[in-house]
C-alpha atoms as a PDB file:
ATOM      1  CA  MET A   1     -13.946  -1.298   0.486  1.00  0.00           C
ATOM      2  CA  TYR A   2     -16.148   1.754   1.005  1.00  0.00           C
ATOM      3  CA  ASN A   3     -17.412   2.964  -2.357  1.00  0.00           C
ATOM      4  CA  LEU A   4     -18.105   6.640  -1.691  1.00  0.00           C
ATOM      5  CA  PRO A   5     -17.080   8.959  -4.538  1.00  0.00           C
ATOM      6  CA  TYR A   6     -15.823  11.779  -2.305  1.00  0.00           C
ATOM      7  CA  HIS A   7     -13.393   9.382  -0.588  1.00  0.00           C
ATOM      8  CA  LYS A   8     -11.799   8.201  -3.838  1.00  0.00           C
ATOM      9  CA  GLU A   9      -8.411   9.340  -5.113  1.00  0.00           C
ATOM     10  CA  GLN A  10      -8.595   9.869  -8.874  1.00  0.00           C
ATOM     11  CA  ASN A  11      -5.102  11.187  -9.511  1.00  0.00           C
ATOM     12  CA  GLU A  12      -2.932   8.352 -10.898  1.00  0.00           C
ATOM     13  CA  GLU A  13       0.292  10.059  -9.843  1.00  0.00           C
ATOM     14  CA  VAL A  14      -0.928  10.437  -6.259  1.00  0.00           C
ATOM     15  CA  ILE A  15      -1.823   6.727  -6.171  1.00  0.00           C
ATOM     16  CA  LYS A  16       1.570   5.702  -7.580  1.00  0.00           C
ATOM     17  CA  GLU A  17       3.393   7.887  -5.060  1.00  0.00           C
ATOM     18  CA  PHE A  18       1.305   6.480  -2.200  1.00  0.00           C
ATOM     19  CA  ILE A  19       2.207   2.909  -3.189  1.00  0.00           C
ATOM     20  CA  LYS A  20       5.867   3.875  -3.462  1.00  0.00           C
ATOM     21  CA  GLU A  21       5.823   5.442   0.007  1.00  0.00           C
ATOM     22  CA  HIS A  22       4.023   2.471   1.634  1.00  0.00           C
ATOM     23  CA  PRO A  23       5.602  -0.638   0.074  1.00  0.00           C
ATOM     24  CA  PHE A  24       5.143  -3.006   3.036  1.00  0.00           C
ATOM     25  CA  ALA A  25       1.824  -4.391   1.862  1.00  0.00           C
ATOM     26  CA  PHE A  26      -0.713  -6.996   2.925  1.00  0.00           C
ATOM     27  CA  LEU A  27      -0.867  -9.798   0.352  1.00  0.00           C
ATOM     28  CA  SER A  28      -3.993 -11.919   0.793  1.00  0.00           C
ATOM     29  CA  GLY A  29      -5.978 -14.698  -0.867  1.00  0.00           C
ATOM     30  CA  CYS A  30      -7.814 -17.964  -0.116  1.00  0.00           C
ATOM     31  CA  ASP A  31      -6.512 -21.492   0.432  1.00  0.00           C
ATOM     32  CA  THR A  32      -7.882 -24.822  -0.808  1.00  0.00           C
ATOM     33  CA  GLN A  33     -10.583 -24.752   1.888  1.00  0.00           C
ATOM     34  CA  ASN A  34     -11.550 -21.172   0.994  1.00  0.00           C
ATOM     35  CA  LYS A  35     -10.053 -19.912   4.239  1.00  0.00           C
ATOM     36  CA  PRO A  36      -8.489 -16.441   4.055  1.00  0.00           C
ATOM     37  CA  ILE A  37      -4.705 -16.206   4.273  1.00  0.00           C
ATOM     38  CA  ALA A  38      -2.434 -13.184   4.343  1.00  0.00           C
ATOM     39  CA  THR A  39       1.149 -12.119   4.730  1.00  0.00           C
ATOM     40  CA  GLN A  40       3.010  -8.813   4.731  1.00  0.00           C
ATOM     41  CA  VAL A  41       5.806  -8.293   2.255  1.00  0.00           C
ATOM     42  CA  PRO A  42       7.764  -5.412   0.725  1.00  0.00           C
ATOM     43  CA  VAL A  43       6.818  -4.983  -2.918  1.00  0.00           C
ATOM     44  CA  PHE A  44       7.307  -2.485  -5.710  1.00  0.00           C
ATOM     45  CA  ILE A  45       5.126  -1.657  -8.672  1.00  0.00           C
ATOM     46  CA  GLU A  46       6.144  -0.998 -12.263  1.00  0.00           C
ATOM     47  CA  GLU A  47       4.407  -0.421 -15.573  1.00  0.00           C
ATOM     48  CA  HIS A  48       5.121  -2.488 -18.674  1.00  0.00           C
ATOM     49  CA  ALA A  49       3.209  -2.251 -21.948  1.00  0.00           C
ATOM     50  CA  GLY A  50       0.444  -0.349 -20.209  1.00  0.00           C
ATOM     51  CA  LYS A  51       0.081  -2.961 -17.464  1.00  0.00           C
ATOM     52  CA  LYS A  52       0.787  -2.443 -13.768  1.00  0.00           C
ATOM     53  CA  ILE A  53       2.978  -5.203 -12.315  1.00  0.00           C
ATOM     54  CA  VAL A  54       3.648  -5.740  -8.592  1.00  0.00           C
ATOM     55  CA  ARG A  55       6.829  -7.687  -7.804  1.00  0.00           C
ATOM     56  CA  GLY A  56       8.278  -9.246  -4.680  1.00  0.00           C
ATOM     57  CA  HIS A  57       9.200 -12.559  -3.070  1.00  0.00           C
ATOM     58  CA  ILE A  58       7.918 -14.838  -0.310  1.00  0.00           C
ATOM     59  CA  MET A  59       9.122 -17.925   1.527  1.00  0.00           C
ATOM     60  CA  LYS A  60       8.347 -21.251  -0.132  1.00  0.00           C
ATOM     61  CA  ASN A  61       5.895 -23.819   1.265  1.00  0.00           C
ATOM     62  CA  THR A  62       4.167 -21.404   3.635  1.00  0.00           C
ATOM     63  CA  ASP A  63       0.383 -21.346   3.953  1.00  0.00           C
ATOM     64  CA  HIS A  64       0.185 -18.330   1.659  1.00  0.00           C
ATOM     65  CA  HIS A  65       2.555 -19.791  -0.955  1.00  0.00           C
ATOM     66  CA  LYS A  66       0.461 -22.963  -1.129  1.00  0.00           C
ATOM     67  CA  ALA A  67      -2.761 -20.958  -1.246  1.00  0.00           C
ATOM     68  CA  PHE A  68      -1.554 -18.781  -4.122  1.00  0.00           C
ATOM     69  CA  LEU A  69      -0.500 -21.891  -6.054  1.00  0.00           C
ATOM     70  CA  HIS A  70      -4.068 -23.141  -5.658  1.00  0.00           C
ATOM     71  CA  ASN A  71      -5.819 -19.817  -6.312  1.00  0.00           C
ATOM     72  CA  PRO A  72      -3.825 -17.079  -8.077  1.00  0.00           C
ATOM     73  CA  ASN A  73      -6.396 -14.338  -7.387  1.00  0.00           C
ATOM     74  CA  VAL A  74      -4.843 -12.001  -4.821  1.00  0.00           C
ATOM     75  CA  LEU A  75      -5.434  -8.687  -3.120  1.00  0.00           C
ATOM     76  CA  VAL A  76      -2.564  -6.337  -2.259  1.00  0.00           C
ATOM     77  CA  VAL A  77      -3.398  -3.665   0.326  1.00  0.00           C
ATOM     78  CA  PHE A  78      -1.202  -0.602   0.795  1.00  0.00           C
ATOM     79  CA  THR A  79      -1.979   1.384   3.944  1.00  0.00           C
ATOM     80  CA  GLY A  80      -0.712   4.690   5.263  1.00  0.00           C
ATOM     81  CA  LYS A  81      -1.154   6.739   8.417  1.00  0.00           C
ATOM     82  CA  HIS A  82      -4.555   6.674  10.133  1.00  0.00           C
ATOM     83  CA  THR A  83      -6.145   8.445  13.078  1.00  0.00           C
ATOM     84  CA  TYR A  84      -9.257   8.764  15.220  1.00  0.00           C
ATOM     85  CA  VAL A  85     -11.446  11.790  14.545  1.00  0.00           C
ATOM     86  CA  SER A  86     -13.721  12.791  17.426  1.00  0.00           C
ATOM     87  CA  GLY A  87     -17.274  13.874  16.676  1.00  0.00           C
ATOM     88  CA  THR A  88     -16.755  16.628  19.244  1.00  0.00           C
ATOM     89  CA  TRP A  89     -14.563  18.412  16.673  1.00  0.00           C
ATOM     90  CA  TYR A  90     -17.519  18.978  14.314  1.00  0.00           C
ATOM     91  CA  THR A  91     -19.735  22.055  14.265  1.00  0.00           C
ATOM     92  CA  ASN A  92     -22.462  19.646  15.406  1.00  0.00           C
ATOM     93  CA  PRO A  93     -20.768  17.608  18.160  1.00  0.00           C
ATOM     94  CA  HIS A  94     -23.755  15.264  18.545  1.00  0.00           C
ATOM     95  CA  THR A  95     -22.358  13.197  15.707  1.00  0.00           C
ATOM     96  CA  PRO A  96     -20.650   9.787  15.758  1.00  0.00           C
ATOM     97  CA  SER A  97     -16.868   9.851  15.702  1.00  0.00           C
ATOM     98  CA  THR A  98     -14.933   8.280  12.846  1.00  0.00           C
ATOM     99  CA  TRP A  99     -11.501   7.296  11.557  1.00  0.00           C
ATOM    100  CA  ASN A 100      -9.478   9.003   8.824  1.00  0.00           C
ATOM    101  CA  TYR A 101      -7.090   6.936   6.745  1.00  0.00           C
ATOM    102  CA  MET A 102      -5.619   6.313   3.302  1.00  0.00           C
ATOM    103  CA  SER A 103      -5.532   2.935   1.583  1.00  0.00           C
ATOM    104  CA  VAL A 104      -4.979   1.495  -1.899  1.00  0.00           C
ATOM    105  CA  HIS A 105      -6.277  -1.945  -2.879  1.00  0.00           C
ATOM    106  CA  ALA A 106      -4.797  -3.691  -5.913  1.00  0.00           C
ATOM    107  CA  LYS A 107      -6.432  -6.881  -7.191  1.00  0.00           C
ATOM    108  CA  GLY A 108      -4.644  -9.150  -9.625  1.00  0.00           C
ATOM    109  CA  ILE A 109      -3.313 -12.513 -10.681  1.00  0.00           C
ATOM    110  CA  ILE A 110      -0.123 -13.791  -9.057  1.00  0.00           C
ATOM    111  CA  LYS A 111       2.457 -15.774 -11.003  1.00  0.00           C
ATOM    112  CA  PHE A 112       5.512 -17.443  -9.510  1.00  0.00           C
ATOM    113  CA  LEU A 113       8.807 -17.109 -11.363  1.00  0.00           C
ATOM    114  CA  ASN A 114      11.819 -19.317 -12.077  1.00  0.00           C
ATOM    115  CA  ASP A 115      15.250 -19.066 -10.431  1.00  0.00           C
ATOM    116  CA  GLU A 116      16.653 -16.735 -13.072  1.00  0.00           C
ATOM    117  CA  ALA A 117      13.734 -14.380 -12.574  1.00  0.00           C
ATOM    118  CA  LEU A 118      14.210 -14.680  -8.798  1.00  0.00           C
ATOM    119  CA  GLU A 119      17.719 -13.298  -9.157  1.00  0.00           C
ATOM    120  CA  ASN A 120      16.390 -10.397 -11.191  1.00  0.00           C
ATOM    121  CA  VAL A 121      13.622  -9.668  -8.685  1.00  0.00           C
ATOM    122  CA  LEU A 122      16.029  -9.809  -5.730  1.00  0.00           C
ATOM    123  CA  ARG A 123      18.458  -7.559  -7.569  1.00  0.00           C
ATOM    124  CA  MET A 124      15.757  -5.056  -8.471  1.00  0.00           C
ATOM    125  CA  THR A 125      14.168  -5.209  -5.007  1.00  0.00           C
ATOM    126  CA  SER A 126      17.428  -4.647  -3.150  1.00  0.00           C
ATOM    127  CA  LEU A 127      18.410  -1.786  -5.452  1.00  0.00           C
ATOM    128  CA  HIS A 128      14.934  -0.292  -5.211  1.00  0.00           C
ATOM    129  CA  PHE A 129      14.961  -0.125  -1.416  1.00  0.00           C
ATOM    130  CA  GLU A 130      18.628   0.882  -1.241  1.00  0.00           C
ATOM    131  CA  ASN A 131      17.814   3.911  -3.411  1.00  0.00           C
ATOM    132  CA  HIS A 132      19.621   2.352  -6.388  1.00  0.00           C
ATOM    133  CA  ASN A 133      22.954   2.514  -4.569  1.00  0.00           C
ATOM    134  CA  GLN A 134      24.934  -0.187  -6.371  1.00  0.00           C
ATOM    135  CA  GLN A 135      27.766   0.150  -3.847  1.00  0.00           C
ATOM    136  CA  SER A 136      25.590  -0.845  -0.896  1.00  0.00           C
ATOM    137  CA  PRO A 137      26.903  -4.092   0.661  1.00  0.00           C
ATOM    138  CA  THR A 138      23.368  -5.414   1.089  1.00  0.00           C
ATOM    139  CA  THR A 139      22.299  -5.281  -2.558  1.00  0.00           C
ATOM    140  CA  PHE A 140      21.963  -8.641  -4.292  1.00  0.00           C
ATOM    141  CA  ASP A 141      25.179  -8.528  -6.316  1.00  0.00           C
ATOM    142  CA  ASN A 142      27.259  -7.640  -3.249  1.00  0.00           C
ATOM    143  CA  ILE A 143      26.065 -10.512  -1.011  1.00  0.00           C
ATOM    144  CA  PRO A 144      28.389 -13.561  -0.709  1.00  0.00           C
ATOM    145  CA  ALA A 145      27.463 -16.294  -3.191  1.00  0.00           C
ATOM    146  CA  GLU A 146      27.105 -19.067  -0.575  1.00  0.00           C
ATOM    147  CA  PHE A 147      24.701 -17.043   1.546  1.00  0.00           C
ATOM    148  CA  LYS A 148      22.835 -15.879  -1.536  1.00  0.00           C
ATOM    149  CA  GLN A 149      22.228 -19.434  -2.727  1.00  0.00           C
ATOM    150  CA  ARG A 150      21.082 -20.582   0.705  1.00  0.00           C
ATOM    151  CA  VAL A 151      18.529 -17.783   0.832  1.00  0.00           C
ATOM    152  CA  MET A 152      17.348 -18.353  -2.720  1.00  0.00           C
ATOM    153  CA  ASP A 153      16.633 -22.030  -2.032  1.00  0.00           C
ATOM    154  CA  ALA A 154      14.034 -20.997   0.539  1.00  0.00           C
ATOM    155  CA  ILE A 155      12.160 -18.268  -1.366  1.00  0.00           C
ATOM    156  CA  VAL A 156      10.303 -17.728  -4.601  1.00  0.00           C
ATOM    157  CA  ALA A 157       9.746 -14.579  -6.616  1.00  0.00           C
ATOM    158  CA  PHE A 158       6.358 -13.497  -7.846  1.00  0.00           C
ATOM    159  CA  GLU A 159       4.758 -10.915 -10.039  1.00  0.00           C
ATOM    160  CA  ILE A 160       1.150  -9.795  -9.970  1.00  0.00           C
ATOM    161  CA  GLU A 161      -0.558  -8.379 -13.012  1.00  0.00           C
ATOM    162  CA  VAL A 162      -2.888  -5.792 -11.528  1.00  0.00           C
ATOM    163  CA  THR A 163      -6.409  -6.033 -12.920  1.00  0.00           C
ATOM    164  CA  GLU A 164      -8.093  -3.456 -10.686  1.00  0.00           C
ATOM    165  CA  ILE A 165      -7.069  -0.650  -8.343  1.00  0.00           C
ATOM    166  CA  ASP A 166      -9.395   0.961  -5.821  1.00  0.00           C
ATOM    167  CA  THR A 167      -8.751   3.602  -3.201  1.00  0.00           C
ATOM    168  CA  VAL A 168     -10.102   5.107  -0.018  1.00  0.00           C
ATOM    169  CA  PHE A 169      -8.570   8.412   1.030  1.00  0.00           C
ATOM    170  CA  LYS A 170     -11.032   9.156   3.847  1.00  0.00           C
ATOM    171  CA  LEU A 171     -10.072  12.646   4.955  1.00  0.00           C
ATOM    172  CA  SER A 172     -13.291  14.275   6.210  1.00  0.00           C
ATOM    173  CA  GLN A 173     -14.265  15.427   2.715  1.00  0.00           C
ATOM    174  CA  ASP A 174     -17.937  15.027   3.685  1.00  0.00           C
ATOM    175  CA  ARG A 175     -17.739  17.613   6.499  1.00  0.00           C
ATOM    176  CA  ASP A 176     -18.471  21.333   6.350  1.00  0.00           C
ATOM    177  CA  PHE A 177     -15.621  23.789   5.938  1.00  0.00           C
ATOM    178  CA  LYS A 178     -15.538  24.908   9.590  1.00  0.00           C
ATOM    179  CA  SER A 179     -15.474  21.302  10.851  1.00  0.00           C
ATOM    180  CA  TYR A 180     -12.786  20.416   8.320  1.00  0.00           C
ATOM    181  CA  GLN A 181     -10.554  23.253   9.515  1.00  0.00           C
ATOM    182  CA  ASN A 182     -11.118  22.361  13.158  1.00  0.00           C
ATOM    183  CA  ILE A 183     -10.295  18.703  12.529  1.00  0.00           C
ATOM    184  CA  ILE A 184      -6.988  19.780  10.972  1.00  0.00           C
ATOM    185  CA  GLU A 185      -6.124  21.912  13.992  1.00  0.00           C
ATOM    186  CA  LYS A 186      -7.056  19.160  16.453  1.00  0.00           C
ATOM    187  CA  LEU A 187      -5.047  16.541  14.550  1.00  0.00           C
ATOM    188  CA  LYS A 188      -1.978  18.782  14.612  1.00  0.00           C
ATOM    189  CA  GLU A 189      -2.050  18.330  18.403  1.00  0.00           C
ATOM    190  CA  GLN A 190      -1.988  14.526  18.122  1.00  0.00           C
ATOM    191  CA  GLY A 191       0.918  12.172  17.474  1.00  0.00           C
ATOM    192  CA  GLU A 192       2.724  11.618  14.178  1.00  0.00           C
ATOM    193  CA  ASP A 193      -0.211   9.851  12.526  1.00  0.00           C
ATOM    194  CA  GLY A 194      -2.561  12.720  13.325  1.00  0.00           C
ATOM    195  CA  ARG A 195      -0.102  15.314  12.091  1.00  0.00           C
ATOM    196  CA  VAL A 196       0.420  13.455   8.803  1.00  0.00           C
ATOM    197  CA  ILE A 197      -3.337  13.214   8.201  1.00  0.00           C
ATOM    198  CA  ALA A 198      -3.728  16.901   9.113  1.00  0.00           C
ATOM    199  CA  ALA A 199      -1.064  17.869   6.586  1.00  0.00           C
ATOM    200  CA  GLU A 200      -2.751  15.781   3.886  1.00  0.00           C
ATOM    201  CA  MET A 201      -6.104  17.391   4.651  1.00  0.00           C
ATOM    202  CA  ALA A 202      -4.604  20.880   4.585  1.00  0.00           C
ATOM    203  CA  LYS A 203      -3.021  20.142   1.206  1.00  0.00           C
ATOM    204  CA  ARG A 204      -6.439  19.184  -0.175  1.00  0.00           C
ATOM    205  CA  THR A 205      -8.449  22.123   1.230  1.00  0.00           C
ATOM    206  CA  LYS A 206      -8.778  23.993  -2.075  1.00  0.00           C
ATOM    207  CA  GLN A 207      -9.790  20.817  -3.857  1.00  0.00           C
ATOM    208  CA  VAL A 208     -12.447  19.903  -1.280  1.00  0.00           C
ATOM    209  CA  PHE A 209     -13.766  23.444  -0.732  1.00  0.00           C
ATOM    210  CA  PRO A 210     -13.148  25.401  -3.957  1.00  0.00           C
ATOM    211  CA  ASP A 211     -15.695  28.071  -2.953  1.00  0.00           C
ATOM    212  CA  ASN A 212     -14.018  28.836   0.380  1.00  0.00           C
ATOM    213  CA  ASN A 213     -10.633  29.875  -0.979  1.00  0.00           C
END
């Protein structure tokens, strides 16, 4: 991950909200031959006794399940919208183009849970993503028992105790004020990703350029 101070997000609440808004994360590690493995899974993060815990579930006996049993060190990557930024939008157009994006990396130790904990994780996960609507027919307690058991036999719940969180919110903070404003205007003309990045940049203008407001 790029380690440039002006591209770091320091606000804990902003980081928590970003993770909440982008829960379909990359979960990666290494197998017994030190080959990289990865999967994408919906997860949610909670805090208990001052510790950040990521919870979710995966299918049993997959390459990633076996790898995590061998090596419990994992990386969870949360990514948001991203967009190309043309160097022609800068006050000095003879500059390489770049990419703006937002990403949170959480490193930690994964632990697989028993069947009772699996029920709890599935219950909490389904409620979490159904906006805590207990009447929803797709939440864990409202799914037929036979189907529920068949699904549970094939999956395993996990929790990850987060040991380190790092961020890159690369939003042209290293550009001059005029370039920054022009990038925002140009991105507004792009697709959804560009417009989202433009809005995030506009929201941060006072923070990035306190002397220009």
